[in-house]
């Protein structure tokens, strides 16, 4: 099972930027799709962005398109989420997740079997 550790969260003013990082263990990282999800207080966890194992395909939820960018470095077993033009409604705990199956790319949270501990992102107005 992949072990994941997120970092990079914090407090930022609206319009600002943050970059989240996720360090992954395991020998199959380069064969595994990775995703970012978030959960705001009182709300269900939601999909934010995902990238295929090779980095050739990406998906974003509509509310972050044009503002967030997911990327990965398979040589370093790292995945990133660059968040620009942040809004108060982006406030949430952000989770990095690894897909259950190698060489499969979906965005449903149930398809992701390994999760990090989460990192808090707070955007003030």
Protein backbone atom coordinates (compact mmCIF):
# COMPACT_ATOMS: atom_id res chain seq x y z
CA UNK A 1 0.00 0.00 0.00
CA UNK A 2 1.19 3.48 -0.83
CA UNK A 3 2.03 5.80 2.08
CA UNK A 4 1.25 9.46 1.47
CA UNK A 5 2.31 12.60 3.33
CA UNK A 6 0.97 16.02 2.37
CA UNK A 7 2.52 19.40 3.11
CA UNK A 8 2.15 23.00 2.06
CA UNK A 9 -1.19 24.02 3.51
CA UNK A 10 -1.71 27.22 5.45
CA UNK A 11 -3.55 30.51 5.74
CA UNK A 12 -3.69 32.80 2.73
CA UNK A 13 -5.71 35.80 1.69
CA UNK A 14 -8.21 35.61 -1.13
CA UNK A 15 -6.42 35.93 -4.45
CA UNK A 16 -3.26 34.37 -3.09
CA UNK A 17 -1.52 31.12 -3.96
CA UNK A 18 -0.41 27.95 -2.26
CA UNK A 19 1.38 24.86 -3.48
CA UNK A 20 0.54 21.54 -1.89
CA UNK A 21 3.00 18.67 -2.05
CA UNK A 22 2.47 14.97 -1.51
CA UNK A 23 5.31 12.54 -0.95
CA UNK A 24 4.53 8.94 -1.82
CA UNK A 25 6.25 5.73 -0.90
CA UNK A 26 6.05 2.51 -2.86
CA UNK A 27 7.54 1.05 -5.99
CA UNK A 28 4.44 1.38 -8.16
CA UNK A 29 4.00 5.16 -7.95
CA UNK A 30 4.80 5.63 -11.61
CA UNK A 31 2.00 3.21 -12.51
CA UNK A 32 -0.60 4.82 -10.24
CA UNK A 33 -3.02 7.65 -10.90
CA UNK A 34 -2.98 10.29 -8.18
CA UNK A 35 -5.66 12.68 -7.02
CA UNK A 36 -6.39 15.57 -4.73
CA UNK A 37 -9.63 15.75 -2.79
CA UNK A 38 -10.91 18.20 -0.21
CA UNK A 39 -13.40 18.31 2.62
CA UNK A 40 -14.84 21.51 4.01
CA UNK A 41 -16.49 21.64 7.46
CA UNK A 42 -19.94 20.09 7.36
CA UNK A 43 -19.54 18.91 3.77
CA UNK A 44 -18.68 15.65 2.09
CA UNK A 45 -15.27 15.01 0.63
CA UNK A 46 -15.11 16.15 -2.99
CA UNK A 47 -12.85 15.59 -5.94
CA UNK A 48 -10.51 18.44 -6.85
CA UNK A 49 -7.98 17.19 -9.42
CA UNK A 50 -6.36 14.00 -10.67
CA UNK A 51 -3.57 12.97 -12.96
CA UNK A 52 -2.89 9.70 -14.74
CA UNK A 53 0.20 7.61 -13.93
CA UNK A 54 2.20 9.07 -16.82
CA UNK A 55 0.96 12.62 -16.37
CA UNK A 56 -0.58 12.57 -19.80
CA UNK A 57 -4.15 13.06 -18.61
CA UNK A 58 -5.63 15.38 -16.02
CA UNK A 59 -9.08 16.09 -14.65
CA UNK A 60 -10.37 19.00 -12.58
CA UNK A 61 -13.59 19.82 -10.89
CA UNK A 62 -15.25 22.77 -12.60
CA UNK A 63 -14.81 25.17 -9.70
CA UNK A 64 -10.99 25.02 -9.85
CA UNK A 65 -10.41 24.88 -13.60
CA UNK A 66 -8.04 27.61 -14.69
CA UNK A 67 -6.89 28.22 -11.12
CA UNK A 68 -5.44 24.91 -9.90
CA UNK A 69 -2.83 22.75 -11.59
CA UNK A 70 -1.91 19.19 -10.67
CA UNK A 71 1.51 17.85 -11.54
CA UNK A 72 3.74 14.93 -10.63
CA UNK A 73 7.38 13.95 -10.64
CA UNK A 74 7.65 10.18 -10.94
CA UNK A 75 11.40 10.26 -10.39
CA UNK A 76 10.81 11.77 -6.94
CA UNK A 77 7.52 10.04 -6.11
CA UNK A 78 5.88 13.43 -5.67
CA UNK A 79 2.57 14.96 -6.69
CA UNK A 80 1.73 18.65 -6.43
CA UNK A 81 -1.28 20.91 -6.48
CA UNK A 82 -0.58 24.52 -7.43
CA UNK A 83 -3.48 26.67 -6.30
CA UNK A 84 -3.78 30.21 -7.62
CA UNK A 85 -6.45 32.88 -7.26
CA UNK A 86 -7.67 31.22 -4.11
CA UNK A 87 -11.17 31.95 -2.87
CA UNK A 88 -12.71 31.61 0.60
CA UNK A 89 -14.79 28.71 -0.72
CA UNK A 90 -11.55 26.79 -1.33
CA UNK A 91 -11.11 26.53 2.43
CA UNK A 92 -10.93 22.84 3.35
CA UNK A 93 -8.70 20.01 4.39
CA UNK A 94 -6.94 18.78 1.26
CA UNK A 95 -6.07 15.12 0.84
CA UNK A 96 -3.69 13.42 -1.52
CA UNK A 97 -4.80 9.99 -2.69
CA UNK A 98 -3.46 7.10 -4.73
CA UNK A 99 -5.64 5.00 -7.02
CA UNK A 100 -6.33 1.43 -5.95
CA UNK A 101 -5.38 -0.05 -9.29
CA UNK A 102 -2.34 0.40 -11.46
CA UNK A 103 -2.81 1.83 -14.94
CA UNK A 104 -6.39 2.89 -14.25
CA UNK A 105 -7.49 6.53 -14.25
CA UNK A 106 -10.77 7.56 -12.66
CA UNK A 107 -11.85 10.39 -10.39
CA UNK A 108 -14.30 8.66 -8.05
CA UNK A 109 -13.02 8.82 -4.48
CA UNK A 110 -14.05 5.19 -3.91
CA UNK A 111 -11.45 4.17 -6.47
CA UNK A 112 -8.66 5.65 -4.36
CA UNK A 113 -7.33 3.29 -1.72
CA UNK A 114 -4.49 5.18 -0.06
CA UNK A 115 -4.93 8.57 1.56
CA UNK A 116 -2.69 11.07 3.27
CA UNK A 117 -3.45 12.65 6.61
CA UNK A 118 -4.65 15.88 5.04
CA UNK A 119 -3.41 19.45 5.12
CA UNK A 120 -5.53 22.46 6.06
CA UNK A 121 -5.99 25.27 3.57
CA UNK A 122 -7.69 28.40 4.87
CA UNK A 123 -8.49 31.32 2.59
CA UNK A 124 -9.50 34.54 4.28
CA UNK A 125 -11.67 37.16 2.60
